Amino acid sequence: MILADTGYFVALANPRDGWHAAARDALEGLRAPLVTTWPVLTETCHLLTTRLGPDAQQRFVQSVRLGAVRLFELTPAHLPRIEALMRKYAALPMDLADASLVLCAEDLGRGEILSTDQRGFGAYRWKNRKPFKNLLARR
């Protein structure tokens, strides 16, 4: 599975986004299913609505419903780890969506991600030491 972050989804939906071509190319080359979290969905819906309007948000939600991406279920038992991650990366800072993706990587045992957040996912480590492999990283 490949993790998908908010910036990836927004770039994919917005042809004017500087990351759009890279996001589209990554989607066409996918060899594994996408996975994301509810905090990422919430953040994505907010940004799609404010940048592209409510139709973009609705198309995104429909694509999730139709299986374009799998959802990792967060539970209250995950909150202590989320808090620890947010404390550890407070200088960046790390938000809930990013912390949820780090947690998801730890649970899946995989760190491949599609993200426009080069700074954050360049610094974050899953299982405290493993770097993410950002499939959208600019070369």
N, C-alpha and C. Protein backbone atom coordinates (compact mmCIF):
# COMPACT_ATOMS: atom_id res chain seq x y z
N MET A 1 0.84 -1.19 0.00
CA MET A 1 0.00 0.00 0.00
C MET A 1 0.88 1.24 0.00
N ILE A 2 0.36 2.28 -0.62
CA ILE A 2 1.06 3.56 -0.68
C ILE A 2 0.21 4.59 0.04
N LEU A 3 0.82 5.30 0.98
CA LEU A 3 0.13 6.35 1.72
C LEU A 3 -0.13 7.54 0.80
N ALA A 4 -1.25 8.20 1.01
CA ALA A 4 -1.58 9.40 0.23
C ALA A 4 -1.92 10.55 1.17
N ASP A 5 -1.26 11.68 0.96
CA ASP A 5 -1.42 12.87 1.79
C ASP A 5 -2.32 13.89 1.09
N THR A 6 -2.76 14.87 1.85
CA THR A 6 -3.64 15.92 1.37
C THR A 6 -3.12 16.61 0.11
N GLY A 7 -1.88 17.03 0.13
CA GLY A 7 -1.32 17.76 -1.01
C GLY A 7 -1.39 16.97 -2.30
N TYR A 8 -1.22 15.67 -2.21
CA TYR A 8 -1.33 14.81 -3.39
C TYR A 8 -2.74 14.88 -3.97
N PHE A 9 -3.75 14.71 -3.11
CA PHE A 9 -5.13 14.73 -3.58
C PHE A 9 -5.51 16.09 -4.17
N VAL A 10 -5.09 17.16 -3.51
CA VAL A 10 -5.40 18.51 -4.00
C VAL A 10 -4.71 18.76 -5.34
N ALA A 11 -3.46 18.37 -5.46
CA ALA A 11 -2.73 18.55 -6.72
C ALA A 11 -3.37 17.75 -7.85
N LEU A 12 -3.81 16.56 -7.55
CA LEU A 12 -4.44 15.71 -8.55
C LEU A 12 -5.73 16.34 -9.09
N ALA A 13 -6.47 17.01 -8.21
CA ALA A 13 -7.75 17.61 -8.59
C ALA A 13 -7.62 18.96 -9.28
N ASN A 14 -6.47 19.62 -9.11
CA ASN A 14 -6.33 21.00 -9.57
C ASN A 14 -5.28 21.12 -10.69
N PRO A 15 -5.72 21.27 -11.93
CA PRO A 15 -4.76 21.37 -13.04
C PRO A 15 -3.82 22.57 -12.93
N ARG A 16 -4.17 23.57 -12.14
CA ARG A 16 -3.32 24.76 -11.96
C ARG A 16 -2.27 24.57 -10.87
N ASP A 17 -2.36 23.49 -10.12
CA ASP A 17 -1.42 23.23 -9.04
C ASP A 17 -0.05 22.85 -9.64
N GLY A 18 1.01 23.36 -9.07
CA GLY A 18 2.35 23.07 -9.54
C GLY A 18 2.73 21.60 -9.47
N TRP A 19 2.05 20.85 -8.66
CA TRP A 19 2.31 19.42 -8.49
C TRP A 19 1.37 18.55 -9.33
N HIS A 20 0.47 19.16 -10.09
CA HIS A 20 -0.57 18.41 -10.80
C HIS A 20 0.01 17.33 -11.72
N ALA A 21 0.96 17.69 -12.56
CA ALA A 21 1.51 16.72 -13.51
C ALA A 21 2.18 15.55 -12.78
N ALA A 22 2.93 15.84 -11.74
CA ALA A 22 3.58 14.78 -10.98
C ALA A 22 2.54 13.88 -10.31
N ALA A 23 1.48 14.47 -9.78
CA ALA A 23 0.43 13.68 -9.12
C ALA A 23 -0.28 12.80 -10.14
N ARG A 24 -0.58 13.35 -11.30
CA ARG A 24 -1.25 12.58 -12.36
C ARG A 24 -0.35 11.43 -12.84
N ASP A 25 0.94 11.73 -13.04
CA ASP A 25 1.88 10.69 -13.47
C ASP A 25 2.01 9.58 -12.42
N ALA A 26 2.05 9.97 -11.17
CA ALA A 26 2.14 8.98 -10.08
C ALA A 26 0.91 8.09 -10.07
N LEU A 27 -0.26 8.67 -10.26
CA LEU A 27 -1.49 7.89 -10.28
C LEU A 27 -1.47 6.87 -11.41
N GLU A 28 -1.02 7.31 -12.58
CA GLU A 28 -0.97 6.41 -13.73
C GLU A 28 0.02 5.27 -13.53
N GLY A 29 1.06 5.50 -12.73
CA GLY A 29 2.09 4.49 -12.52
C GLY A 29 1.91 3.65 -11.26
N LEU A 30 0.81 3.81 -10.56
CA LEU A 30 0.62 3.08 -9.30
C LEU A 30 0.61 1.57 -9.52
N ARG A 31 1.33 0.89 -8.65
CA ARG A 31 1.38 -0.57 -8.68
C ARG A 31 0.84 -1.17 -7.39
N ALA A 32 0.34 -0.31 -6.50
CA ALA A 32 -0.20 -0.77 -5.22
C ALA A 32 -1.38 0.14 -4.86
N PRO A 33 -2.29 -0.33 -4.03
CA PRO A 33 -3.43 0.49 -3.65
C PRO A 33 -3.02 1.66 -2.76
N LEU A 34 -3.82 2.73 -2.79
CA LEU A 34 -3.61 3.89 -1.93
C LEU A 34 -4.33 3.69 -0.61
N VAL A 35 -3.76 4.26 0.44
CA VAL A 35 -4.38 4.26 1.76
C VAL A 35 -4.19 5.65 2.37
N THR A 36 -5.18 6.10 3.09
CA THR A 36 -5.10 7.38 3.78
C THR A 36 -5.92 7.30 5.06
N THR A 37 -6.08 8.43 5.72
CA THR A 37 -6.77 8.47 7.01
C THR A 37 -7.90 9.50 6.98
N TRP A 38 -8.78 9.40 7.95
CA TRP A 38 -9.88 10.37 8.06
C TRP A 38 -9.38 11.80 8.22
N PRO A 39 -8.35 12.07 9.03
CA PRO A 39 -7.87 13.46 9.10
C PRO A 39 -7.41 14.00 7.75
N VAL A 40 -6.80 13.16 6.92
CA VAL A 40 -6.39 13.59 5.58
C VAL A 40 -7.62 13.87 4.73
N LEU A 41 -8.64 13.02 4.83
CA LEU A 41 -9.87 13.27 4.07
C LEU A 41 -10.50 14.60 4.47
N THR A 42 -10.54 14.87 5.75
CA THR A 42 -11.13 16.12 6.24
C THR A 42 -10.36 17.33 5.71
N GLU A 43 -9.04 17.28 5.82
CA GLU A 43 -8.20 18.38 5.35
C GLU A 43 -8.34 18.56 3.84
N THR A 44 -8.37 17.45 3.11
CA THR A 44 -8.52 17.50 1.65
C THR A 44 -9.86 18.12 1.27
N CYS A 45 -10.93 17.70 1.90
CA CYS A 45 -12.25 18.26 1.59
C CYS A 45 -12.28 19.76 1.83
N HIS A 46 -11.70 20.20 2.92
CA HIS A 46 -11.66 21.64 3.22
C HIS A 46 -10.92 22.39 2.11
N LEU A 47 -9.74 21.91 1.74
CA LEU A 47 -8.95 22.62 0.73
C LEU A 47 -9.59 22.55 -0.65
N LEU A 48 -10.17 21.43 -1.00
CA LEU A 48 -10.85 21.34 -2.30
C LEU A 48 -12.01 22.32 -2.38
N THR A 49 -12.78 22.42 -1.31
CA THR A 49 -13.92 23.34 -1.30
C THR A 49 -13.47 24.78 -1.41
N THR A 50 -12.44 25.15 -0.63
CA THR A 50 -12.01 26.55 -0.64
C THR A 50 -11.27 26.93 -1.92
N ARG A 51 -10.57 25.99 -2.53
CA ARG A 51 -9.78 26.30 -3.74
C ARG A 51 -10.52 26.03 -5.05
N LEU A 52 -11.37 24.98 -5.06
CA LEU A 52 -12.01 24.58 -6.32
C LEU A 52 -13.53 24.54 -6.26
N GLY A 53 -14.10 24.67 -5.07
CA GLY A 53 -15.55 24.68 -4.94
C GLY A 53 -16.11 23.35 -4.45
N PRO A 54 -17.40 23.37 -4.08
CA PRO A 54 -18.02 22.18 -3.50
C PRO A 54 -18.09 20.98 -4.44
N ASP A 55 -18.15 21.20 -5.75
CA ASP A 55 -18.20 20.06 -6.67
C ASP A 55 -16.93 19.22 -6.59
N ALA A 56 -15.78 19.88 -6.42
CA ALA A 56 -14.51 19.15 -6.31
C ALA A 56 -14.51 18.28 -5.06
N GLN A 57 -15.02 18.82 -3.97
CA GLN A 57 -15.11 18.05 -2.73
C GLN A 57 -16.01 16.83 -2.92
N GLN A 58 -17.14 17.04 -3.56
CA GLN A 58 -18.08 15.94 -3.76
C GLN A 58 -17.50 14.85 -4.66
N ARG A 59 -16.77 15.25 -5.70
CA ARG A 59 -16.13 14.26 -6.58
C ARG A 59 -15.09 13.45 -5.81
N PHE A 60 -14.36 14.14 -4.93
CA PHE A 60 -13.35 13.45 -4.13
C PHE A 60 -14.00 12.43 -3.19
N VAL A 61 -15.03 12.84 -2.47
CA VAL A 61 -15.71 11.92 -1.55
C VAL A 61 -16.29 10.73 -2.32
N GLN A 62 -16.84 10.99 -3.49
CA GLN A 62 -17.38 9.90 -4.30
C GLN A 62 -16.27 8.93 -4.71
N SER A 63 -15.11 9.45 -5.07
CA SER A 63 -14.01 8.57 -5.48
C SER A 63 -13.57 7.68 -4.31
N VAL A 64 -13.58 8.23 -3.11
CA VAL A 64 -13.23 7.42 -1.93
C VAL A 64 -14.29 6.34 -1.72
N ARG A 65 -15.55 6.74 -1.82
CA ARG A 65 -16.65 5.78 -1.66
C ARG A 65 -16.55 4.65 -2.67
N LEU A 66 -16.10 4.96 -3.88
CA LEU A 66 -16.00 3.96 -4.95
C LEU A 66 -14.72 3.14 -4.89
N GLY A 67 -13.87 3.41 -3.88
CA GLY A 67 -12.70 2.57 -3.65
C GLY A 67 -11.38 3.06 -4.21
N ALA A 68 -11.29 4.33 -4.60
CA ALA A 68 -10.03 4.86 -5.12
C ALA A 68 -8.92 4.85 -4.08
N VAL A 69 -9.31 4.88 -2.83
CA VAL A 69 -8.35 4.87 -1.73
C VAL A 69 -8.97 4.12 -0.55
N ARG A 70 -8.14 3.40 0.15
CA ARG A 70 -8.60 2.70 1.36
C ARG A 70 -8.41 3.61 2.56
N LEU A 71 -9.23 3.40 3.57
CA LEU A 71 -9.14 4.21 4.78
C LEU A 71 -8.58 3.39 5.94
N PHE A 72 -7.54 3.95 6.56
CA PHE A 72 -6.98 3.37 7.78
C PHE A 72 -7.81 3.90 8.94
N GLU A 73 -8.27 3.01 9.77
CA GLU A 73 -9.13 3.40 10.90
C GLU A 73 -8.31 3.78 12.13
N LEU A 74 -8.44 5.01 12.53
CA LEU A 74 -7.85 5.47 13.79
C LEU A 74 -8.81 5.15 14.93
N THR A 75 -8.25 4.81 16.08
CA THR A 75 -9.06 4.54 17.27
C THR A 75 -8.52 5.38 18.43
N PRO A 76 -9.27 5.49 19.52
CA PRO A 76 -8.74 6.20 20.68
C PRO A 76 -7.42 5.64 21.19
N ALA A 77 -7.17 4.36 20.95
CA ALA A 77 -5.92 3.76 21.39
C ALA A 77 -4.71 4.35 20.65
N HIS A 78 -4.92 4.96 19.50
CA HIS A 78 -3.84 5.58 18.73
C HIS A 78 -3.45 6.97 19.26
N LEU A 79 -4.29 7.57 20.08
CA LEU A 79 -4.05 8.96 20.51
C LEU A 79 -2.73 9.17 21.25
N PRO A 80 -2.31 8.29 22.15
CA PRO A 80 -1.02 8.54 22.80
C PRO A 80 0.15 8.61 21.81
N ARG A 81 0.14 7.75 20.79
CA ARG A 81 1.22 7.79 19.79
C ARG A 81 1.11 9.08 18.95
N ILE A 82 -0.09 9.48 18.60
CA ILE A 82 -0.29 10.73 17.85
C ILE A 82 0.24 11.90 18.65
N GLU A 83 -0.08 11.95 19.94
CA GLU A 83 0.43 13.02 20.80
C GLU A 83 1.95 13.02 20.84
N ALA A 84 2.54 11.84 20.97
CA ALA A 84 4.00 11.74 21.04
C ALA A 84 4.64 12.23 19.74
N LEU A 85 4.06 11.87 18.62
CA LEU A 85 4.59 12.33 17.33
C LEU A 85 4.48 13.85 17.19
N MET A 86 3.34 14.40 17.58
CA MET A 86 3.14 15.85 17.48
C MET A 86 4.11 16.61 18.37
N ARG A 87 4.42 16.05 19.54
CA ARG A 87 5.43 16.66 20.43
C ARG A 87 6.81 16.57 19.79
N LYS A 88 7.14 15.41 19.28
CA LYS A 88 8.47 15.18 18.70
C LYS A 88 8.74 16.13 17.53
N TYR A 89 7.74 16.38 16.72
CA TYR A 89 7.91 17.20 15.52
C TYR A 89 7.25 18.57 15.64
N ALA A 90 7.13 19.07 16.85
CA ALA A 90 6.47 20.36 17.09
C ALA A 90 7.15 21.52 16.37
N ALA A 91 8.43 21.44 16.15
CA ALA A 91 9.16 22.53 15.48
C ALA A 91 8.78 22.66 14.01
N LEU A 92 8.25 21.62 13.39
CA LEU A 92 7.91 21.72 11.97
C LEU A 92 6.68 22.60 11.70
N PRO A 93 5.57 22.56 12.31
CA PRO A 93 5.01 21.57 13.24
C PRO A 93 4.33 20.43 12.47
N MET A 94 4.02 19.36 13.21
CA MET A 94 3.28 18.24 12.66
C MET A 94 1.82 18.41 13.01
N ASP A 95 0.93 18.30 12.02
CA ASP A 95 -0.50 18.39 12.31
C ASP A 95 -1.10 16.99 12.45
N LEU A 96 -2.38 16.93 12.76
CA LEU A 96 -3.05 15.66 12.99
C LEU A 96 -3.02 14.78 11.74
N ALA A 97 -3.23 15.36 10.57
CA ALA A 97 -3.23 14.56 9.34
C ALA A 97 -1.86 13.89 9.15
N ASP A 98 -0.79 14.65 9.31
CA ASP A 98 0.55 14.08 9.16
C ASP A 98 0.82 13.00 10.21
N ALA A 99 0.45 13.26 11.44
CA ALA A 99 0.66 12.27 12.51
C ALA A 99 -0.11 10.99 12.20
N SER A 100 -1.31 11.13 11.67
CA SER A 100 -2.11 9.95 11.35
C SER A 100 -1.45 9.12 10.25
N LEU A 101 -0.78 9.77 9.30
CA LEU A 101 -0.10 9.04 8.24
C LEU A 101 1.15 8.33 8.76
N VAL A 102 1.87 8.97 9.67
CA VAL A 102 3.03 8.31 10.28
C VAL A 102 2.55 7.07 11.04
N LEU A 103 1.49 7.21 11.78
CA LEU A 103 0.92 6.09 12.52
C LEU A 103 0.49 4.97 11.56
N CYS A 104 -0.13 5.34 10.47
CA CYS A 104 -0.56 4.37 9.47
C CYS A 104 0.64 3.62 8.91
N ALA A 105 1.72 4.34 8.59
CA ALA A 105 2.95 3.70 8.09
C ALA A 105 3.48 2.70 9.10
N GLU A 106 3.47 3.09 10.36
CA GLU A 106 3.95 2.20 11.41
C GLU A 106 3.11 0.94 11.48
N ASP A 107 1.80 1.09 11.37
CA ASP A 107 0.90 -0.05 11.45
C ASP A 107 1.06 -0.97 10.24
N LEU A 108 1.21 -0.39 9.05
CA LEU A 108 1.35 -1.18 7.83
C LEU A 108 2.76 -1.72 7.63
N GLY A 109 3.74 -1.08 8.28
CA GLY A 109 5.13 -1.47 8.08
C GLY A 109 5.67 -1.04 6.73
N ARG A 110 5.14 0.07 6.21
CA ARG A 110 5.54 0.58 4.89
C ARG A 110 5.59 2.10 4.93
N GLY A 111 6.58 2.68 4.25
CA GLY A 111 6.75 4.12 4.27
C GLY A 111 6.75 4.80 2.91
N GLU A 112 6.14 4.18 1.91
CA GLU A 112 6.00 4.85 0.63
C GLU A 112 4.81 5.80 0.71
N ILE A 113 5.02 7.04 0.24
CA ILE A 113 3.98 8.06 0.36
C ILE A 113 3.94 8.94 -0.87
N LEU A 114 2.77 9.47 -1.16
CA LEU A 114 2.58 10.49 -2.18
C LEU A 114 2.23 11.77 -1.42
N SER A 115 3.17 12.73 -1.41
CA SER A 115 2.96 13.96 -0.65
C SER A 115 3.71 15.12 -1.31
N THR A 116 3.08 16.28 -1.29
CA THR A 116 3.75 17.50 -1.74
C THR A 116 4.52 18.14 -0.58
N ASP A 117 4.36 17.61 0.62
CA ASP A 117 5.03 18.13 1.82
C ASP A 117 6.44 17.55 1.90
N GLN A 118 7.34 18.13 1.13
CA GLN A 118 8.72 17.65 1.07
C GLN A 118 9.44 17.84 2.41
N ARG A 119 9.18 18.96 3.05
CA ARG A 119 9.86 19.25 4.32
C ARG A 119 9.44 18.27 5.41
N GLY A 120 8.13 18.16 5.62
CA GLY A 120 7.63 17.30 6.68
C GLY A 120 7.98 15.84 6.47
N PHE A 121 7.62 15.31 5.29
CA PHE A 121 7.86 13.89 5.07
C PHE A 121 9.30 13.58 4.71
N GLY A 122 10.12 14.63 4.58
CA GLY A 122 11.56 14.43 4.51
C GLY A 122 12.17 14.30 5.90
N ALA A 123 11.50 14.88 6.89
CA ALA A 123 12.00 14.86 8.28
C ALA A 123 11.36 13.75 9.12
N TYR A 124 10.08 13.47 8.90
CA TYR A 124 9.39 12.47 9.72
C TYR A 124 10.02 11.10 9.54
N ARG A 125 9.97 10.34 10.63
CA ARG A 125 10.42 8.95 10.62
C ARG A 125 9.30 8.09 11.17
N TRP A 126 9.09 6.95 10.54
CA TRP A 126 8.11 6.00 11.08
C TRP A 126 8.89 4.93 11.83
N LYS A 127 8.30 4.46 12.88
CA LYS A 127 8.97 3.57 13.84
C LYS A 127 10.25 4.23 14.36
N ASN A 128 10.22 5.58 14.45
CA ASN A 128 11.26 6.43 15.02
C ASN A 128 12.55 6.51 14.23
N ARG A 129 12.76 5.66 13.24
CA ARG A 129 14.04 5.71 12.55
C ARG A 129 13.96 5.51 11.04
N LYS A 130 12.83 5.06 10.54
CA LYS A 130 12.73 4.74 9.12
C LYS A 130 12.23 5.94 8.32
N PRO A 131 12.98 6.38 7.32
CA PRO A 131 12.54 7.52 6.52
C PRO A 131 11.42 7.13 5.55
N PHE A 132 10.62 8.11 5.19
CA PHE A 132 9.59 7.90 4.17
C PHE A 132 10.23 7.94 2.80
N LYS A 133 9.67 7.19 1.89
CA LYS A 133 10.06 7.27 0.48
C LYS A 133 8.93 8.01 -0.22
N ASN A 134 9.17 9.29 -0.51
CA ASN A 134 8.14 10.12 -1.13
C ASN A 134 8.20 9.92 -2.64
N LEU A 135 7.14 9.34 -3.17
CA LEU A 135 7.09 9.05 -4.60
C LEU A 135 6.82 10.29 -5.44
N LEU A 136 6.56 11.43 -4.79
CA LEU A 136 6.40 12.70 -5.49
C LEU A 136 7.62 13.61 -5.31
N ALA A 137 8.66 13.10 -4.69
CA ALA A 137 9.84 13.94 -4.40
C ALA A 137 10.40 14.50 -5.70
N ARG A 138 10.68 15.78 -5.67
CA ARG A 138 11.27 16.44 -6.84
C ARG A 138 12.75 16.13 -6.89
N ARG A 139 13.19 15.83 -8.06
CA ARG A 139 14.59 15.46 -8.24
C ARG A 139 15.39 16.63 -8.73
